[in-house]
PDB file of all heavy atoms in Angstrom:
ATOM      1  N   MET A   1       3.178   8.952  -9.038  1.00  0.00           N
ATOM      2  CA  MET A   1       4.139   7.834  -8.864  1.00  0.00           C
ATOM      3  C   MET A   1       3.279   6.522  -8.690  1.00  0.00           C
ATOM      4  O   MET A   1       2.339   6.573  -7.925  1.00  0.00           O
ATOM      5  CB  MET A   1       5.129   8.042  -7.740  1.00  0.00           C
ATOM      6  CG  MET A   1       6.097   9.168  -7.917  1.00  0.00           C
ATOM      7  SD  MET A   1       7.082   9.369  -6.440  1.00  0.00           S
ATOM      8  CE  MET A   1       8.555  10.136  -7.124  1.00  0.00           C
ATOM      9  N   GLY A   2       3.761   5.436  -9.279  1.00  0.00           N
ATOM     10  CA  GLY A   2       3.020   4.286  -9.113  1.00  0.00           C
ATOM     11  C   GLY A   2       3.930   2.994  -9.222  1.00  0.00           C
ATOM     12  O   GLY A   2       5.025   3.075  -9.794  1.00  0.00           O
ATOM     13  N   TRP A   3       3.452   1.943  -8.666  1.00  0.00           N
ATOM     14  CA  TRP A   3       4.073   0.656  -8.863  1.00  0.00           C
ATOM     15  C   TRP A   3       3.035  -0.256  -9.448  1.00  0.00           C
ATOM     16  O   TRP A   3       1.894  -0.363  -8.955  1.00  0.00           O
ATOM     17  CB  TRP A   3       4.512   0.112  -7.526  1.00  0.00           C
ATOM     18  CG  TRP A   3       5.711   0.801  -6.992  1.00  0.00           C
ATOM     19  CD1 TRP A   3       5.800   1.841  -6.040  1.00  0.00           C
ATOM     20  CD2 TRP A   3       7.162   0.477  -7.266  1.00  0.00           C
ATOM     21  NE1 TRP A   3       7.097   2.124  -5.832  1.00  0.00           N
ATOM     22  CE2 TRP A   3       7.971   1.317  -6.545  1.00  0.00           C
ATOM     23  CE3 TRP A   3       7.759  -0.523  -8.140  1.00  0.00           C
ATOM     24  CZ2 TRP A   3       9.333   1.250  -6.646  1.00  0.00           C
ATOM     25  CZ3 TRP A   3       9.122  -0.572  -8.252  1.00  0.00           C
ATOM     26  CH2 TRP A   3       9.905   0.354  -7.498  1.00  0.00           C
ATOM     27  N   TYR A   4       3.448  -1.007 -10.412  1.00  0.00           N
ATOM     28  CA  TYR A   4       2.668  -2.015 -11.090  1.00  0.00           C
ATOM     29  C   TYR A   4       3.380  -3.392 -11.014  1.00  0.00           C
ATOM     30  O   TYR A   4       4.609  -3.437 -10.680  1.00  0.00           O
ATOM     31  CB  TYR A   4       2.416  -1.666 -12.556  1.00  0.00           C
ATOM     32  CG  TYR A   4       1.621  -0.489 -12.838  1.00  0.00           C
ATOM     33  CD1 TYR A   4       2.068   0.807 -12.652  1.00  0.00           C
ATOM     34  CD2 TYR A   4       0.303  -0.652 -13.328  1.00  0.00           C
ATOM     35  CE1 TYR A   4       1.223   1.889 -12.840  1.00  0.00           C
ATOM     36  CE2 TYR A   4      -0.547   0.439 -13.570  1.00  0.00           C
ATOM     37  CZ  TYR A   4      -0.040   1.696 -13.300  1.00  0.00           C
ATOM     38  OH  TYR A   4      -0.845   2.757 -13.538  1.00  0.00           O
ATOM     39  N   ARG A   5       2.670  -4.392 -11.208  1.00  0.00           N
ATOM     40  CA  ARG A   5       3.290  -5.769 -11.254  1.00  0.00           C
ATOM     41  C   ARG A   5       2.620  -6.566 -12.271  1.00  0.00           C
ATOM     42  O   ARG A   5       1.481  -6.466 -12.605  1.00  0.00           O
ATOM     43  CB  ARG A   5       3.244  -6.398  -9.851  1.00  0.00           C
ATOM     44  CG  ARG A   5       1.854  -6.867  -9.362  1.00  0.00           C
ATOM     45  CD  ARG A   5       1.957  -7.398  -8.010  1.00  0.00           C
ATOM     46  NE  ARG A   5       0.666  -7.848  -7.545  1.00  0.00           N
ATOM     47  CZ  ARG A   5       0.421  -8.209  -6.255  1.00  0.00           C
ATOM     48  NH1 ARG A   5       1.409  -8.269  -5.399  1.00  0.00           N
ATOM     49  NH2 ARG A   5      -0.805  -8.659  -5.935  1.00  0.00           N
ATOM     50  N   GLN A   6       3.369  -7.602 -12.761  1.00  0.00           N
ATOM     51  CA  GLN A   6       2.899  -8.502 -13.788  1.00  0.00           C
ATOM     52  C   GLN A   6       3.411  -9.852 -13.431  1.00  0.00           C
ATOM     53  O   GLN A   6       4.612 -10.138 -13.456  1.00  0.00           O
ATOM     54  CB  GLN A   6       3.313  -8.032 -15.159  1.00  0.00           C
ATOM     55  CG  GLN A   6       2.707  -8.891 -16.258  1.00  0.00           C
ATOM     56  CD  GLN A   6       2.871  -8.283 -17.636  1.00  0.00           C
ATOM     57  OE1 GLN A   6       3.828  -7.534 -17.800  1.00  0.00           O
ATOM     58  NE2 GLN A   6       2.039  -8.572 -18.573  1.00  0.00           N
ATOM     59  N   ALA A   7       2.562 -10.830 -13.167  1.00  0.00           N
ATOM     60  CA  ALA A   7       2.914 -12.216 -12.936  1.00  0.00           C
ATOM     61  C   ALA A   7       2.809 -12.937 -14.269  1.00  0.00           C
ATOM     62  O   ALA A   7       2.203 -12.493 -15.288  1.00  0.00           O
ATOM     63  CB  ALA A   7       1.886 -12.847 -12.005  1.00  0.00           C
ATOM     64  N   PRO A   8       3.558 -14.044 -14.451  1.00  0.00           N
ATOM     65  CA  PRO A   8       3.556 -14.813 -15.673  1.00  0.00           C
ATOM     66  C   PRO A   8       2.138 -15.174 -16.174  1.00  0.00           C
ATOM     67  O   PRO A   8       1.313 -15.700 -15.394  1.00  0.00           O
ATOM     68  CB  PRO A   8       4.327 -16.010 -15.345  1.00  0.00           C
ATOM     69  CG  PRO A   8       5.256 -15.597 -14.258  1.00  0.00           C
ATOM     70  CD  PRO A   8       4.433 -14.650 -13.427  1.00  0.00           C
ATOM     71  N   GLY A   9       1.909 -14.851 -17.463  1.00  0.00           N
ATOM     72  CA  GLY A   9       0.535 -15.202 -17.967  1.00  0.00           C
ATOM     73  C   GLY A   9      -0.555 -14.290 -17.559  1.00  0.00           C
ATOM     74  O   GLY A   9      -1.723 -14.525 -17.941  1.00  0.00           O
ATOM     75  N   LYS A  10      -0.312 -13.216 -16.808  1.00  0.00           N
ATOM     76  CA  LYS A  10      -1.301 -12.314 -16.367  1.00  0.00           C
ATOM     77  C   LYS A  10      -1.065 -10.926 -16.856  1.00  0.00           C
ATOM     78  O   LYS A  10       0.075 -10.516 -17.249  1.00  0.00           O
ATOM     79  CB  LYS A  10      -1.433 -12.372 -14.857  1.00  0.00           C
ATOM     80  CG  LYS A  10      -1.806 -13.730 -14.272  1.00  0.00           C
ATOM     81  CD  LYS A  10      -2.016 -13.671 -12.762  1.00  0.00           C
ATOM     82  CE  LYS A  10      -2.400 -14.942 -12.160  1.00  0.00           C
ATOM     83  NZ  LYS A  10      -2.594 -14.925 -10.789  1.00  0.00           N
ATOM     84  N   GLU A  11      -2.099 -10.077 -16.822  1.00  0.00           N
ATOM     85  CA  GLU A  11      -1.978  -8.693 -17.240  1.00  0.00           C
ATOM     86  C   GLU A  11      -1.280  -7.918 -16.134  1.00  0.00           C
ATOM     87  O   GLU A  11      -1.420  -8.188 -14.896  1.00  0.00           O
ATOM     88  CB  GLU A  11      -3.351  -8.091 -17.521  1.00  0.00           C
ATOM     89  CG  GLU A  11      -4.077  -8.715 -18.640  1.00  0.00           C
ATOM     90  CD  GLU A  11      -5.403  -8.019 -18.960  1.00  0.00           C
ATOM     91  OE1 GLU A  11      -5.733  -7.075 -18.269  1.00  0.00           O
ATOM     92  OE2 GLU A  11      -6.129  -8.532 -19.873  1.00  0.00           O
ATOM     93  N   ARG A  12      -0.627  -6.887 -16.561  1.00  0.00           N
ATOM     94  CA  ARG A  12      -0.001  -5.931 -15.595  1.00  0.00           C
ATOM     95  C   ARG A  12      -1.135  -5.184 -14.774  1.00  0.00           C
ATOM     96  O   ARG A  12      -2.079  -4.740 -15.363  1.00  0.00           O
ATOM     97  CB  ARG A  12       0.873  -4.865 -16.290  1.00  0.00           C
ATOM     98  CG  ARG A  12       1.606  -4.007 -15.423  1.00  0.00           C
ATOM     99  CD  ARG A  12       2.589  -3.147 -16.180  1.00  0.00           C
ATOM    100  NE  ARG A  12       3.504  -3.892 -16.981  1.00  0.00           N
ATOM    101  CZ  ARG A  12       4.532  -3.324 -17.708  1.00  0.00           C
ATOM    102  NH1 ARG A  12       4.709  -2.022 -17.745  1.00  0.00           N
ATOM    103  NH2 ARG A  12       5.329  -4.129 -18.458  1.00  0.00           N
ATOM    104  N   GLU A  13      -0.898  -5.091 -13.526  1.00  0.00           N
ATOM    105  CA  GLU A  13      -1.916  -4.491 -12.638  1.00  0.00           C
ATOM    106  C   GLU A  13      -1.324  -3.499 -11.745  1.00  0.00           C
ATOM    107  O   GLU A  13      -0.098  -3.503 -11.366  1.00  0.00           O
ATOM    108  CB  GLU A  13      -2.570  -5.594 -11.801  1.00  0.00           C
ATOM    109  CG  GLU A  13      -1.711  -6.302 -10.763  1.00  0.00           C
ATOM    110  CD  GLU A  13      -2.363  -7.229  -9.830  1.00  0.00           C
ATOM    111  OE1 GLU A  13      -3.631  -7.140  -9.794  1.00  0.00           O
ATOM    112  OE2 GLU A  13      -1.657  -8.046  -9.173  1.00  0.00           O
ATOM    113  N   LEU A  14      -2.099  -2.496 -11.396  1.00  0.00           N
ATOM    114  CA  LEU A  14      -1.734  -1.471 -10.440  1.00  0.00           C
ATOM    115  C   LEU A  14      -1.662  -1.971  -9.092  1.00  0.00           C
ATOM    116  O   LEU A  14      -2.583  -2.618  -8.553  1.00  0.00           O
ATOM    117  CB  LEU A  14      -2.674  -0.276 -10.569  1.00  0.00           C
ATOM    118  CG  LEU A  14      -2.380   0.899  -9.549  1.00  0.00           C
ATOM    119  CD1 LEU A  14      -1.094   1.587  -9.868  1.00  0.00           C
ATOM    120  CD2 LEU A  14      -3.597   1.847  -9.574  1.00  0.00           C
ATOM    121  N   VAL A  15      -0.501  -1.749  -8.465  1.00  0.00           N
ATOM    122  CA  VAL A  15      -0.309  -2.085  -7.064  1.00  0.00           C
ATOM    123  C   VAL A  15      -0.519  -0.965  -6.075  1.00  0.00           C
ATOM    124  O   VAL A  15      -1.262  -1.061  -5.109  1.00  0.00           O
ATOM    125  CB  VAL A  15       1.127  -2.714  -6.789  1.00  0.00           C
ATOM    126  CG1 VAL A  15       1.325  -3.004  -5.337  1.00  0.00           C
ATOM    127  CG2 VAL A  15       1.312  -3.956  -7.673  1.00  0.00           C
ATOM    128  N   ALA A  16       0.116   0.240  -6.381  1.00  0.00           N
ATOM    129  CA  ALA A  16       0.021   1.363  -5.464  1.00  0.00           C
ATOM    130  C   ALA A  16       0.276   2.579  -6.275  1.00  0.00           C
ATOM    131  O   ALA A  16       1.068   2.574  -7.247  1.00  0.00           O
ATOM    132  CB  ALA A  16       0.973   1.212  -4.294  1.00  0.00           C
ATOM    133  N   ARG A  17      -0.317   3.736  -5.857  1.00  0.00           N
ATOM    134  CA  ARG A  17      -0.027   4.976  -6.525  1.00  0.00           C
ATOM    135  C   ARG A  17       0.021   6.095  -5.500  1.00  0.00           C
ATOM    136  O   ARG A  17      -0.629   5.967  -4.479  1.00  0.00           O
ATOM    137  CB  ARG A  17      -0.995   5.276  -7.626  1.00  0.00           C
ATOM    138  CG  ARG A  17      -2.401   5.446  -7.201  1.00  0.00           C
ATOM    139  CD  ARG A  17      -3.381   5.458  -8.389  1.00  0.00           C
ATOM    140  NE  ARG A  17      -3.152   6.596  -9.257  1.00  0.00           N
ATOM    141  CZ  ARG A  17      -3.788   7.747  -9.161  1.00  0.00           C
ATOM    142  NH1 ARG A  17      -4.603   8.009  -8.182  1.00  0.00           N
ATOM    143  NH2 ARG A  17      -3.515   8.708 -10.069  1.00  0.00           N
ATOM    144  N   LEU A  18       0.726   7.119  -5.844  1.00  0.00           N
ATOM    145  CA  LEU A  18       0.932   8.248  -4.936  1.00  0.00           C
ATOM    146  C   LEU A  18       0.915   9.512  -5.843  1.00  0.00           C
ATOM    147  O   LEU A  18       1.748   9.702  -6.734  1.00  0.00           O
ATOM    148  CB  LEU A  18       2.262   8.146  -4.202  1.00  0.00           C
ATOM    149  CG  LEU A  18       2.681   9.356  -3.393  1.00  0.00           C
ATOM    150  CD1 LEU A  18       1.774   9.672  -2.229  1.00  0.00           C
ATOM    151  CD2 LEU A  18       4.103   9.125  -2.872  1.00  0.00           C
ATOM    152  N   THR A  19       0.000  10.440  -5.568  1.00  0.00           N
ATOM    153  CA  THR A  19      -0.086  11.679  -6.327  1.00  0.00           C
ATOM    154  C   THR A  19       0.819  12.782  -5.719  1.00  0.00           C
ATOM    155  O   THR A  19       1.267  12.655  -4.579  1.00  0.00           O
ATOM    156  CB  THR A  19      -1.524  12.176  -6.460  1.00  0.00           C
ATOM    157  OG1 THR A  19      -1.932  12.665  -5.189  1.00  0.00           O
ATOM    158  CG2 THR A  19      -2.532  11.057  -6.854  1.00  0.00           C
ATOM    159  N   SER A  20       1.038  13.764  -6.534  1.00  0.00           N
ATOM    160  CA  SER A  20       1.843  14.858  -6.090  1.00  0.00           C
ATOM    161  C   SER A  20       1.236  15.597  -4.857  1.00  0.00           C
ATOM    162  O   SER A  20       1.907  16.182  -4.083  1.00  0.00           O
ATOM    163  CB  SER A  20       2.038  15.914  -7.174  1.00  0.00           C
ATOM    164  OG  SER A  20       0.806  16.421  -7.623  1.00  0.00           O
ATOM    165  N   GLY A  21      -0.109  15.424  -4.708  1.00  0.00           N
ATOM    166  CA  GLY A  21      -0.770  16.044  -3.491  1.00  0.00           C
ATOM    167  C   GLY A  21      -0.810  15.140  -2.331  1.00  0.00           C
ATOM    168  O   GLY A  21      -1.307  15.481  -1.356  1.00  0.00           O
ATOM    169  N   GLY A  22      -0.129  14.033  -2.405  1.00  0.00           N
ATOM    170  CA  GLY A  22      -0.057  13.100  -1.261  1.00  0.00           C
ATOM    171  C   GLY A  22      -1.129  12.057  -1.111  1.00  0.00           C
ATOM    172  O   GLY A  22      -1.127  11.273  -0.143  1.00  0.00           O
ATOM    173  N   ASP A  23      -2.065  11.959  -2.096  1.00  0.00           N
ATOM    174  CA  ASP A  23      -3.076  10.927  -2.018  1.00  0.00           C
ATOM    175  C   ASP A  23      -2.493   9.631  -2.538  1.00  0.00           C
ATOM    176  O   ASP A  23      -1.728   9.498  -3.396  1.00  0.00           O
ATOM    177  CB  ASP A  23      -4.213  11.276  -2.928  1.00  0.00           C
ATOM    178  CG  ASP A  23      -4.954  12.549  -2.425  1.00  0.00           C
ATOM    179  OD1 ASP A  23      -5.071  12.735  -1.224  1.00  0.00           O
ATOM    180  OD2 ASP A  23      -5.458  13.331  -3.311  1.00  0.00           O
ATOM    181  N   THR A  24      -2.891   8.528  -1.791  1.00  0.00           N
ATOM    182  CA  THR A  24      -2.485   7.210  -2.101  1.00  0.00           C
ATOM    183  C   THR A  24      -3.694   6.290  -2.394  1.00  0.00           C
ATOM    184  O   THR A  24      -4.756   6.505  -1.844  1.00  0.00           O
ATOM    185  CB  THR A  24      -1.670   6.577  -0.952  1.00  0.00           C
ATOM    186  OG1 THR A  24      -2.402   6.445   0.207  1.00  0.00           O
ATOM    187  CG2 THR A  24      -0.386   7.390  -0.774  1.00  0.00           C
ATOM    188  N   ASN A  25      -3.470   5.251  -3.130  1.00  0.00           N
ATOM    189  CA  ASN A  25      -4.380   4.195  -3.251  1.00  0.00           C
ATOM    190  C   ASN A  25      -3.652   2.902  -3.490  1.00  0.00           C
ATOM    191  O   ASN A  25      -2.546   2.917  -4.118  1.00  0.00           O
ATOM    192  CB  ASN A  25      -5.561   4.439  -4.236  1.00  0.00           C
ATOM    193  CG  ASN A  25      -5.089   4.597  -5.656  1.00  0.00           C
ATOM    194  OD1 ASN A  25      -4.739   5.572  -6.096  1.00  0.00           O
ATOM    195  ND2 ASN A  25      -5.175   3.417  -6.386  1.00  0.00           N
ATOM    196  N   TYR A  26      -4.341   1.786  -3.063  1.00  0.00           N
ATOM    197  CA  TYR A  26      -3.661   0.484  -3.232  1.00  0.00           C
ATOM    198  C   TYR A  26      -4.619  -0.507  -3.707  1.00  0.00           C
ATOM    199  O   TYR A  26      -5.832  -0.417  -3.508  1.00  0.00           O
ATOM    200  CB  TYR A  26      -3.172   0.026  -1.832  1.00  0.00           C
ATOM    201  CG  TYR A  26      -2.154   0.889  -1.163  1.00  0.00           C
ATOM    202  CD1 TYR A  26      -2.522   1.980  -0.322  1.00  0.00           C
ATOM    203  CD2 TYR A  26      -0.791   0.712  -1.322  1.00  0.00           C
ATOM    204  CE1 TYR A  26      -1.622   2.788   0.227  1.00  0.00           C
ATOM    205  CE2 TYR A  26       0.167   1.507  -0.721  1.00  0.00           C
ATOM    206  CZ  TYR A  26      -0.263   2.553   0.020  1.00  0.00           C
ATOM    207  OH  TYR A  26       0.720   3.357   0.625  1.00  0.00           O
ATOM    208  N   ALA A  27      -4.061  -1.545  -4.378  1.00  0.00           N
ATOM    209  CA  ALA A  27      -4.891  -2.699  -4.665  1.00  0.00           C
ATOM    210  C   ALA A  27      -5.352  -3.401  -3.426  1.00  0.00           C
ATOM    211  O   ALA A  27      -4.673  -3.447  -2.459  1.00  0.00           O
ATOM    212  CB  ALA A  27      -4.062  -3.730  -5.593  1.00  0.00           C
ATOM    213  N   ASP A  28      -6.593  -3.896  -3.457  1.00  0.00           N
ATOM    214  CA  ASP A  28      -7.088  -4.508  -2.271  1.00  0.00           C
ATOM    215  C   ASP A  28      -6.216  -5.696  -1.767  1.00  0.00           C
ATOM    216  O   ASP A  28      -6.110  -5.973  -0.559  1.00  0.00           O
ATOM    217  CB  ASP A  28      -8.476  -5.076  -2.582  1.00  0.00           C
ATOM    218  CG  ASP A  28      -9.486  -3.975  -2.693  1.00  0.00           C
ATOM    219  OD1 ASP A  28      -9.276  -2.851  -2.186  1.00  0.00           O
ATOM    220  OD2 ASP A  28     -10.635  -4.223  -3.259  1.00  0.00           O
ATOM    221  N   SER A  29      -5.512  -6.367  -2.683  1.00  0.00           N
ATOM    222  CA  SER A  29      -4.810  -7.515  -2.322  1.00  0.00           C
ATOM    223  C   SER A  29      -3.454  -7.149  -1.526  1.00  0.00           C
ATOM    224  O   SER A  29      -2.883  -8.029  -0.878  1.00  0.00           O
ATOM    225  CB  SER A  29      -4.345  -8.312  -3.592  1.00  0.00           C
ATOM    226  OG  SER A  29      -3.602  -7.454  -4.505  1.00  0.00           O
ATOM    227  N   VAL A  30      -3.070  -5.890  -1.609  1.00  0.00           N
ATOM    228  CA  VAL A  30      -1.833  -5.501  -0.893  1.00  0.00           C
ATOM    229  C   VAL A  30      -2.123  -4.478   0.199  1.00  0.00           C
ATOM    230  O   VAL A  30      -1.206  -4.096   1.013  1.00  0.00           O
ATOM    231  CB  VAL A  30      -0.831  -4.913  -1.796  1.00  0.00           C
ATOM    232  CG1 VAL A  30      -0.582  -5.859  -2.980  1.00  0.00           C
ATOM    233  CG2 VAL A  30      -1.250  -3.538  -2.386  1.00  0.00           C
ATOM    234  N   LYS A  31      -3.328  -3.981   0.326  1.00  0.00           N
ATOM    235  CA  LYS A  31      -3.675  -2.907   1.314  1.00  0.00           C
ATOM    236  C   LYS A  31      -3.399  -3.482   2.669  1.00  0.00           C
ATOM    237  O   LYS A  31      -3.800  -4.551   3.134  1.00  0.00           O
ATOM    238  CB  LYS A  31      -5.154  -2.523   1.220  1.00  0.00           C
ATOM    239  CG  LYS A  31      -5.429  -1.158   1.719  1.00  0.00           C
ATOM    240  CD  LYS A  31      -6.801  -0.710   1.190  1.00  0.00           C
ATOM    241  CE  LYS A  31      -7.048   0.774   1.608  1.00  0.00           C
ATOM    242  NZ  LYS A  31      -8.303   1.246   1.091  1.00  0.00           N
ATOM    243  N   GLY A  32      -2.701  -2.612   3.468  1.00  0.00           N
ATOM    244  CA  GLY A  32      -2.313  -2.948   4.829  1.00  0.00           C
ATOM    245  C   GLY A  32      -0.974  -3.654   4.893  1.00  0.00           C
ATOM    246  O   GLY A  32      -0.410  -3.735   6.014  1.00  0.00           O
ATOM    247  N   ARG A  33      -0.449  -4.063   3.812  1.00  0.00           N
ATOM    248  CA  ARG A  33       0.877  -4.767   3.753  1.00  0.00           C
ATOM    249  C   ARG A  33       1.950  -3.945   3.034  1.00  0.00           C
ATOM    250  O   ARG A  33       3.101  -4.022   3.420  1.00  0.00           O
ATOM    251  CB  ARG A  33       0.755  -6.134   3.047  1.00  0.00           C
ATOM    252  CG  ARG A  33      -0.203  -7.128   3.761  1.00  0.00           C
ATOM    253  CD  ARG A  33      -0.126  -8.481   3.218  1.00  0.00           C
ATOM    254  NE  ARG A  33      -0.555  -8.522   1.793  1.00  0.00           N
ATOM    255  CZ  ARG A  33       0.222  -8.936   0.790  1.00  0.00           C
ATOM    256  NH1 ARG A  33       1.477  -9.295   0.961  1.00  0.00           N
ATOM    257  NH2 ARG A  33      -0.251  -8.938  -0.490  1.00  0.00           N
ATOM    258  N   PHE A  34       1.450  -3.273   2.006  1.00  0.00           N
ATOM    259  CA  PHE A  34       2.456  -2.388   1.169  1.00  0.00           C
ATOM    260  C   PHE A  34       2.247  -0.963   1.460  1.00  0.00           C
ATOM    261  O   PHE A  34       1.082  -0.483   1.735  1.00  0.00           O
ATOM    262  CB  PHE A  34       2.226  -2.655  -0.290  1.00  0.00           C
ATOM    263  CG  PHE A  34       2.558  -4.013  -0.857  1.00  0.00           C
ATOM    264  CD1 PHE A  34       2.884  -5.067   0.034  1.00  0.00           C
ATOM    265  CD2 PHE A  34       2.621  -4.257  -2.207  1.00  0.00           C
ATOM    266  CE1 PHE A  34       3.253  -6.291  -0.381  1.00  0.00           C
ATOM    267  CE2 PHE A  34       3.003  -5.546  -2.657  1.00  0.00           C
ATOM    268  CZ  PHE A  34       3.342  -6.546  -1.814  1.00  0.00           C
ATOM    269  N   THR A  35       3.315  -0.216   1.313  1.00  0.00           N
ATOM    270  CA  THR A  35       3.325   1.265   1.540  1.00  0.00           C
ATOM    271  C   THR A  35       4.116   1.912   0.443  1.00  0.00           C
ATOM    272  O   THR A  35       5.255   1.544   0.283  1.00  0.00           O
ATOM    273  CB  THR A  35       3.807   1.663   2.935  1.00  0.00           C
ATOM    274  OG1 THR A  35       3.009   0.999   3.971  1.00  0.00           O
ATOM    275  CG2 THR A  35       3.676   3.209   3.088  1.00  0.00           C
ATOM    276  N   ILE A  36       3.542   2.877  -0.208  1.00  0.00           N
ATOM    277  CA  ILE A  36       4.258   3.614  -1.247  1.00  0.00           C
ATOM    278  C   ILE A  36       4.620   4.989  -0.556  1.00  0.00           C
ATOM    279  O   ILE A  36       3.801   5.621   0.125  1.00  0.00           O
ATOM    280  CB  ILE A  36       3.406   3.856  -2.524  1.00  0.00           C
ATOM    281  CG1 ILE A  36       4.242   4.525  -3.605  1.00  0.00           C
ATOM    282  CG2 ILE A  36       2.124   4.551  -2.291  1.00  0.00           C
ATOM    283  CD1 ILE A  36       3.571   4.476  -4.969  1.00  0.00           C
ATOM    284  N   SER A  37       5.741   5.489  -0.905  1.00  0.00           N
ATOM    285  CA  SER A  37       6.227   6.721  -0.366  1.00  0.00           C
ATOM    286  C   SER A  37       7.319   7.349  -1.286  1.00  0.00           C
ATOM    287  O   SER A  37       7.789   6.637  -2.225  1.00  0.00           O
ATOM    288  CB  SER A  37       6.807   6.573   1.027  1.00  0.00           C
ATOM    289  OG  SER A  37       8.000   5.718   1.059  1.00  0.00           O
ATOM    290  N   ARG A  38       7.667   8.534  -1.052  1.00  0.00           N
ATOM    291  CA  ARG A  38       8.743   9.178  -1.793  1.00  0.00           C
ATOM    292  C   ARG A  38       9.619  10.048  -0.850  1.00  0.00           C
ATOM    293  O   ARG A  38       9.152  10.362   0.236  1.00  0.00           O
ATOM    294  CB  ARG A  38       8.154  10.080  -2.905  1.00  0.00           C
ATOM    295  CG  ARG A  38       7.357  11.232  -2.432  1.00  0.00           C
ATOM    296  CD  ARG A  38       7.060  12.173  -3.556  1.00  0.00           C
ATOM    297  NE  ARG A  38       8.260  12.835  -4.106  1.00  0.00           N
ATOM    298  CZ  ARG A  38       8.249  13.671  -5.077  1.00  0.00           C
ATOM    299  NH1 ARG A  38       7.144  13.965  -5.805  1.00  0.00           N
ATOM    300  NH2 ARG A  38       9.373  14.277  -5.548  1.00  0.00           N
ATOM    301  N   ASP A  39      10.846  10.336  -1.305  1.00  0.00           N
ATOM    302  CA  ASP A  39      11.601  11.298  -0.576  1.00  0.00           C
ATOM    303  C   ASP A  39      11.792  12.569  -1.389  1.00  0.00           C
ATOM    304  O   ASP A  39      11.172  12.806  -2.418  1.00  0.00           O
ATOM    305  CB  ASP A  39      13.076  10.609  -0.262  1.00  0.00           C
ATOM    306  CG  ASP A  39      13.775  10.274  -1.445  1.00  0.00           C
ATOM    307  OD1 ASP A  39      13.556  10.795  -2.579  1.00  0.00           O
ATOM    308  OD2 ASP A  39      14.777   9.493  -1.274  1.00  0.00           O
ATOM    309  N   ALA A  40      12.667  13.419  -0.885  1.00  0.00           N
ATOM    310  CA  ALA A  40      12.852  14.709  -1.463  1.00  0.00           C
ATOM    311  C   ALA A  40      13.807  14.732  -2.654  1.00  0.00           C
ATOM    312  O   ALA A  40      13.976  15.735  -3.303  1.00  0.00           O
ATOM    313  CB  ALA A  40      13.429  15.727  -0.435  1.00  0.00           C
ATOM    314  N   LYS A  41      14.278  13.531  -3.046  1.00  0.00           N
ATOM    315  CA  LYS A  41      15.219  13.445  -4.130  1.00  0.00           C
ATOM    316  C   LYS A  41      14.615  12.694  -5.332  1.00  0.00           C
ATOM    317  O   LYS A  41      15.291  11.957  -6.073  1.00  0.00           O
ATOM    318  CB  LYS A  41      16.499  12.747  -3.687  1.00  0.00           C
ATOM    319  CG  LYS A  41      17.244  13.454  -2.584  1.00  0.00           C
ATOM    320  CD  LYS A  41      18.597  12.934  -2.289  1.00  0.00           C
ATOM    321  CE  LYS A  41      18.491  11.565  -1.698  1.00  0.00           C
ATOM    322  NZ  LYS A  41      19.891  11.036  -1.370  1.00  0.00           N
ATOM    323  N   ASN A  42      13.303  12.685  -5.432  1.00  0.00           N
ATOM    324  CA  ASN A  42      12.605  12.070  -6.540  1.00  0.00           C
ATOM    325  C   ASN A  42      12.807  10.542  -6.565  1.00  0.00           C
ATOM    326  O   ASN A  42      12.926   9.951  -7.688  1.00  0.00           O
ATOM    327  CB  ASN A  42      12.978  12.713  -7.903  1.00  0.00           C
ATOM    328  CG  ASN A  42      12.444  14.124  -8.050  1.00  0.00           C
ATOM    329  OD1 ASN A  42      11.394  14.419  -7.472  1.00  0.00           O
ATOM    330  ND2 ASN A  42      13.076  14.937  -8.789  1.00  0.00           N
TER     331      ASN A  42
END
């Protein structure tokens, strides 16, 4: 699972991702401020 973002005139970039195994990673610009998660209902 992942979240991307695209600002006007810029390329789409990865913000955060979460694997089925529970591993996460974040863009440096959002680390510590954003949190990705999921529930049991997809």
